[in-house]
Amino acid sequence: MEFPKAELETLWAPWRFEYFEKSGPPDFLSEAARASDDAAHLVLVRRKNSFLIMNRYPYTVGHLMAVPYRKVGELRDLGENEVVELFSLVVRAQELLRQVTKAQGFNIGINVGECAGAGVPDHLHIHIVPRWSGDTNFMPMLSGTRVLSQGLNDLYQKLKAAQTASDEAR
């Protein structure tokens, strides 16, 4: 069997077009905050002041975000109850990702301001990015391309089932 060079020279990611197709800056966090169809918006958990959502444009499989319902761009603008709830969702995200994806570590971060890399600078959110030993590969190094090994909807269903099971056990 020959190496399928031609098939690997083009990597298709048509779902990325959704991001570029929208006019103006994306407001998917506010849309998800107001939505009633959690599956359509990839919302995993809702609390009184914040929610946990899958990143539709992930850095890696399982990239989640904890988001306040209120649209604020600065940490100082959050109330104490929002801060506590957001970090509670970060802990919950880690638990879900350890259970479902067998994550061995995490990058957790907040980008405040556009120059700091905030894709949605006026709606603060916390990134929870799962990591695994040896999870780097040559694709990002050579071509800036990420390879995601699992589809969003498949992973959403597994994470949602784990969350539902946890809720029922309480």
C-alpha atoms as a PDB file:
ATOM      1  CA  MET A   1       0.000   0.000   0.000  1.00  0.00           C
ATOM      2  CA  GLU A   2       1.329   3.415  -0.968  1.00  0.00           C
ATOM      3  CA  PHE A   3       1.340   6.432   1.304  1.00  0.00           C
ATOM      4  CA  PRO A   4      -1.801   8.519   0.478  1.00  0.00           C
ATOM      5  CA  LYS A   5       0.142  11.741  -0.070  1.00  0.00           C
ATOM      6  CA  ALA A   6      -2.480  13.452  -2.260  1.00  0.00           C
ATOM      7  CA  GLU A   7      -5.264  12.837   0.263  1.00  0.00           C
ATOM      8  CA  LEU A   8      -3.216  14.354   3.078  1.00  0.00           C
ATOM      9  CA  GLU A   9      -2.150  17.485   1.224  1.00  0.00           C
ATOM     10  CA  THR A  10      -5.602  19.035   1.639  1.00  0.00           C
ATOM     11  CA  LEU A  11      -7.295  19.066   5.007  1.00  0.00           C
ATOM     12  CA  TRP A  12     -10.965  19.972   4.854  1.00  0.00           C
ATOM     13  CA  ALA A  13     -12.587  21.878   7.721  1.00  0.00           C
ATOM     14  CA  PRO A  14     -15.830  23.243   6.214  1.00  0.00           C
ATOM     15  CA  TRP A  15     -17.325  23.916   9.649  1.00  0.00           C
ATOM     16  CA  ARG A  16     -14.755  26.722  10.097  1.00  0.00           C
ATOM     17  CA  PHE A  17     -16.515  28.662   7.336  1.00  0.00           C
ATOM     18  CA  GLU A  18     -19.389  29.357   9.758  1.00  0.00           C
ATOM     19  CA  TYR A  19     -17.013  31.535  11.772  1.00  0.00           C
ATOM     20  CA  PHE A  20     -15.788  33.608   8.823  1.00  0.00           C
ATOM     21  CA  GLU A  21     -19.175  33.791   7.120  1.00  0.00           C
ATOM     22  CA  LYS A  22     -20.808  35.874   9.864  1.00  0.00           C
ATOM     23  CA  SER A  23     -20.793  39.622   9.441  1.00  0.00           C
ATOM     24  CA  GLY A  24     -19.337  41.564  12.323  1.00  0.00           C
ATOM     25  CA  PRO A  25     -17.827  40.091  15.468  1.00  0.00           C
ATOM     26  CA  PRO A  26     -19.402  36.825  16.623  1.00  0.00           C
ATOM     27  CA  ASP A  27     -21.820  37.078  19.538  1.00  0.00           C
ATOM     28  CA  PHE A  28     -22.240  33.338  20.071  1.00  0.00           C
ATOM     29  CA  LEU A  29     -21.779  33.646  23.845  1.00  0.00           C
ATOM     30  CA  SER A  30     -24.718  36.036  24.217  1.00  0.00           C
ATOM     31  CA  GLU A  31     -26.775  33.874  21.865  1.00  0.00           C
ATOM     32  CA  ALA A  32     -26.009  30.794  23.949  1.00  0.00           C
ATOM     33  CA  ALA A  33     -26.780  32.675  27.182  1.00  0.00           C
ATOM     34  CA  ARG A  34     -30.303  33.464  25.916  1.00  0.00           C
ATOM     35  CA  ALA A  35     -30.978  30.197  24.066  1.00  0.00           C
ATOM     36  CA  SER A  36     -33.363  27.506  25.187  1.00  0.00           C
ATOM     37  CA  ASP A  37     -31.915  24.811  22.883  1.00  0.00           C
ATOM     38  CA  ASP A  38     -28.750  23.885  24.767  1.00  0.00           C
ATOM     39  CA  ALA A  39     -27.699  21.175  22.302  1.00  0.00           C
ATOM     40  CA  ALA A  40     -27.790  23.586  19.343  1.00  0.00           C
ATOM     41  CA  HIS A  41     -25.495  25.955  21.245  1.00  0.00           C
ATOM     42  CA  LEU A  42     -23.363  23.218  22.878  1.00  0.00           C
ATOM     43  CA  VAL A  43     -24.274  24.366  26.404  1.00  0.00           C
ATOM     44  CA  LEU A  44     -23.464  21.624  28.907  1.00  0.00           C
ATOM     45  CA  VAL A  45     -24.410  23.132  32.280  1.00  0.00           C
ATOM     46  CA  ARG A  46     -26.473  26.138  33.336  1.00  0.00           C
ATOM     47  CA  ARG A  47     -26.268  27.767  36.746  1.00  0.00           C
ATOM     48  CA  LYS A  48     -27.909  30.919  38.124  1.00  0.00           C
ATOM     49  CA  ASN A  49     -25.189  33.366  36.970  1.00  0.00           C
ATOM     50  CA  SER A  50     -23.124  31.449  34.434  1.00  0.00           C
ATOM     51  CA  PHE A  51     -22.977  28.470  32.101  1.00  0.00           C
ATOM     52  CA  LEU A  52     -20.513  25.933  30.698  1.00  0.00           C
ATOM     53  CA  ILE A  53     -20.272  25.653  26.926  1.00  0.00           C
ATOM     54  CA  MET A  54     -18.167  23.734  24.420  1.00  0.00           C
ATOM     55  CA  ASN A  55     -16.006  25.918  22.202  1.00  0.00           C
ATOM     56  CA  ARG A  56     -17.382  25.573  18.662  1.00  0.00           C
ATOM     57  CA  TYR A  57     -13.929  26.537  17.316  1.00  0.00           C
ATOM     58  CA  PRO A  58     -11.722  24.533  19.708  1.00  0.00           C
ATOM     59  CA  TYR A  59      -7.973  24.540  20.167  1.00  0.00           C
ATOM     60  CA  THR A  60      -8.232  20.849  20.973  1.00  0.00           C
ATOM     61  CA  VAL A  61     -10.926  18.229  21.552  1.00  0.00           C
ATOM     62  CA  GLY A  62     -12.897  19.063  24.694  1.00  0.00           C
ATOM     63  CA  HIS A  63     -12.100  22.801  24.818  1.00  0.00           C
ATOM     64  CA  LEU A  64     -14.780  24.219  27.139  1.00  0.00           C
ATOM     65  CA  MET A  65     -15.596  27.725  28.370  1.00  0.00           C
ATOM     66  CA  ALA A  66     -17.203  28.969  31.586  1.00  0.00           C
ATOM     67  CA  VAL A  67     -19.199  32.112  30.772  1.00  0.00           C
ATOM     68  CA  PRO A  68     -21.191  34.605  32.876  1.00  0.00           C
ATOM     69  CA  TYR A  69     -24.668  35.418  31.566  1.00  0.00           C
ATOM     70  CA  ARG A  70     -23.903  39.101  32.023  1.00  0.00           C
ATOM     71  CA  LYS A  71     -21.841  40.543  29.207  1.00  0.00           C
ATOM     72  CA  VAL A  72     -18.807  42.094  30.893  1.00  0.00           C
ATOM     73  CA  GLY A  73     -15.302  42.530  29.565  1.00  0.00           C
ATOM     74  CA  GLU A  74     -13.321  42.944  32.792  1.00  0.00           C
ATOM     75  CA  LEU A  75     -12.857  40.768  35.862  1.00  0.00           C
ATOM     76  CA  ARG A  76     -13.505  43.781  38.097  1.00  0.00           C
ATOM     77  CA  ASP A  77     -17.024  44.038  36.654  1.00  0.00           C
ATOM     78  CA  LEU A  78     -18.023  40.587  37.942  1.00  0.00           C
ATOM     79  CA  GLY A  79     -19.867  40.221  41.225  1.00  0.00           C
ATOM     80  CA  GLU A  80     -18.459  37.915  43.891  1.00  0.00           C
ATOM     81  CA  ASN A  81     -21.263  35.410  43.280  1.00  0.00           C
ATOM     82  CA  GLU A  82     -20.402  35.342  39.566  1.00  0.00           C
ATOM     83  CA  VAL A  83     -16.705  34.755  40.273  1.00  0.00           C
ATOM     84  CA  VAL A  84     -17.457  31.888  42.661  1.00  0.00           C
ATOM     85  CA  GLU A  85     -19.903  30.297  40.240  1.00  0.00           C
ATOM     86  CA  LEU A  86     -17.571  30.661  37.252  1.00  0.00           C
ATOM     87  CA  PHE A  87     -14.734  28.916  39.062  1.00  0.00           C
ATOM     88  CA  SER A  88     -17.133  26.256  40.286  1.00  0.00           C
ATOM     89  CA  LEU A  89     -17.918  25.592  36.625  1.00  0.00           C
ATOM     90  CA  VAL A  90     -14.193  25.402  35.855  1.00  0.00           C
ATOM     91  CA  VAL A  91     -13.872  22.662  38.483  1.00  0.00           C
ATOM     92  CA  ARG A  92     -16.956  20.912  37.034  1.00  0.00           C
ATOM     93  CA  ALA A  93     -15.469  21.138  33.536  1.00  0.00           C
ATOM     94  CA  GLN A  94     -12.279  19.463  34.729  1.00  0.00           C
ATOM     95  CA  GLU A  95     -14.290  16.660  36.339  1.00  0.00           C
ATOM     96  CA  LEU A  96     -16.318  16.067  33.179  1.00  0.00           C
ATOM     97  CA  LEU A  97     -13.256  16.139  30.927  1.00  0.00           C
ATOM     98  CA  ARG A  98     -11.295  13.771  33.165  1.00  0.00           C
ATOM     99  CA  GLN A  99     -14.214  11.350  33.137  1.00  0.00           C
ATOM    100  CA  VAL A 100     -15.125  11.525  29.439  1.00  0.00           C
ATOM    101  CA  THR A 101     -11.853  12.302  27.649  1.00  0.00           C
ATOM    102  CA  LYS A 102      -9.385  10.972  30.235  1.00  0.00           C
ATOM    103  CA  ALA A 103      -7.658  14.399  30.302  1.00  0.00           C
ATOM    104  CA  GLN A 104      -4.392  14.315  32.232  1.00  0.00           C
ATOM    105  CA  GLY A 105      -3.892  18.062  32.598  1.00  0.00           C
ATOM    106  CA  PHE A 106      -5.448  21.396  31.691  1.00  0.00           C
ATOM    107  CA  ASN A 107      -4.622  24.835  30.397  1.00  0.00           C
ATOM    108  CA  ILE A 108      -7.054  27.220  32.099  1.00  0.00           C
ATOM    109  CA  GLY A 109      -7.014  30.864  31.157  1.00  0.00           C
ATOM    110  CA  ILE A 110      -8.772  34.163  30.686  1.00  0.00           C
ATOM    111  CA  ASN A 111      -7.882  36.534  27.844  1.00  0.00           C
ATOM    112  CA  VAL A 112      -8.861  40.061  28.889  1.00  0.00           C
ATOM    113  CA  GLY A 113      -8.875  42.569  26.044  1.00  0.00           C
ATOM    114  CA  GLU A 114      -8.476  42.158  22.319  1.00  0.00           C
ATOM    115  CA  CYS A 115      -4.695  42.654  22.356  1.00  0.00           C
ATOM    116  CA  ALA A 116      -4.462  39.766  24.864  1.00  0.00           C
ATOM    117  CA  GLY A 117      -6.177  37.443  22.402  1.00  0.00           C
ATOM    118  CA  ALA A 118      -9.775  37.767  23.557  1.00  0.00           C
ATOM    119  CA  GLY A 119     -11.857  36.615  20.598  1.00  0.00           C
ATOM    120  CA  VAL A 120     -14.925  38.143  22.249  1.00  0.00           C
ATOM    121  CA  PRO A 121     -13.346  41.062  24.145  1.00  0.00           C
ATOM    122  CA  ASP A 122     -16.579  42.382  25.677  1.00  0.00           C
ATOM    123  CA  HIS A 123     -17.847  39.037  27.069  1.00  0.00           C
ATOM    124  CA  LEU A 124     -15.326  37.620  29.506  1.00  0.00           C
ATOM    125  CA  HIS A 125     -15.042  33.822  29.677  1.00  0.00           C
ATOM    126  CA  ILE A 126     -12.684  31.206  31.087  1.00  0.00           C
ATOM    127  CA  HIS A 127     -11.094  28.649  28.768  1.00  0.00           C
ATOM    128  CA  ILE A 128     -10.671  25.089  30.015  1.00  0.00           C
ATOM    129  CA  VAL A 129      -8.446  23.201  27.559  1.00  0.00           C
ATOM    130  CA  PRO A 130      -7.743  19.522  28.292  1.00  0.00           C
ATOM    131  CA  ARG A 131      -4.244  18.158  27.712  1.00  0.00           C
ATOM    132  CA  TRP A 132      -2.658  14.705  27.541  1.00  0.00           C
ATOM    133  CA  SER A 133       0.925  13.522  27.848  1.00  0.00           C
ATOM    134  CA  GLY A 134       2.408  13.425  24.365  1.00  0.00           C
ATOM    135  CA  ASP A 135      -0.582  15.186  22.774  1.00  0.00           C
ATOM    136  CA  THR A 136       1.521  17.459  20.575  1.00  0.00           C
ATOM    137  CA  ASN A 137       2.122  16.436  16.988  1.00  0.00           C
ATOM    138  CA  PHE A 138       3.787  17.741  13.879  1.00  0.00           C
ATOM    139  CA  MET A 139       0.692  19.353  12.287  1.00  0.00           C
ATOM    140  CA  PRO A 140       0.626  22.605  14.323  1.00  0.00           C
ATOM    141  CA  MET A 141       4.409  22.820  14.190  1.00  0.00           C
ATOM    142  CA  LEU A 142       4.750  22.517  10.416  1.00  0.00           C
ATOM    143  CA  SER A 143       1.533  23.885   9.001  1.00  0.00           C
ATOM    144  CA  GLY A 144      -0.363  25.616  11.791  1.00  0.00           C
ATOM    145  CA  THR A 145      -3.096  22.998  11.378  1.00  0.00           C
ATOM    146  CA  ARG A 146      -4.895  21.371  14.280  1.00  0.00           C
ATOM    147  CA  VAL A 147      -6.222  17.841  13.994  1.00  0.00           C
ATOM    148  CA  LEU A 148      -9.289  17.202  16.138  1.00  0.00           C
ATOM    149  CA  SER A 149      -9.891  13.512  16.697  1.00  0.00           C
ATOM    150  CA  GLN A 150     -13.553  13.719  17.729  1.00  0.00           C
ATOM    151  CA  GLY A 151     -16.589  15.555  16.398  1.00  0.00           C
ATOM    152  CA  LEU A 152     -18.264  18.273  18.472  1.00  0.00           C
ATOM    153  CA  ASN A 153     -21.709  16.658  18.576  1.00  0.00           C
ATOM    154  CA  ASP A 154     -20.357  13.237  19.561  1.00  0.00           C
ATOM    155  CA  LEU A 155     -18.345  14.716  22.421  1.00  0.00           C
ATOM    156  CA  TYR A 156     -21.256  16.974  23.443  1.00  0.00           C
ATOM    157  CA  GLN A 157     -23.508  13.930  23.836  1.00  0.00           C
ATOM    158  CA  LYS A 158     -20.923  12.135  25.992  1.00  0.00           C
ATOM    159  CA  LEU A 159     -20.240  15.169  28.199  1.00  0.00           C
ATOM    160  CA  LYS A 160     -23.972  15.897  28.566  1.00  0.00           C
ATOM    161  CA  ALA A 161     -24.657  12.265  29.538  1.00  0.00           C
ATOM    162  CA  ALA A 162     -21.900  12.440  32.187  1.00  0.00           C
ATOM    163  CA  GLN A 163     -23.362  15.703  33.537  1.00  0.00           C
ATOM    164  CA  THR A 164     -26.893  14.250  33.634  1.00  0.00           C
ATOM    165  CA  ALA A 165     -25.648  11.125  35.443  1.00  0.00           C
ATOM    166  CA  SER A 166     -23.857  13.343  37.976  1.00  0.00           C
ATOM    167  CA  ASP A 167     -26.985  15.452  38.537  1.00  0.00           C
ATOM    168  CA  GLU A 168     -29.095  12.315  39.067  1.00  0.00           C
ATOM    169  CA  ALA A 169     -26.579  10.891  41.566  1.00  0.00           C
ATOM    170  CA  ARG A 170     -26.870  13.987  43.767  1.00  0.00           C
END
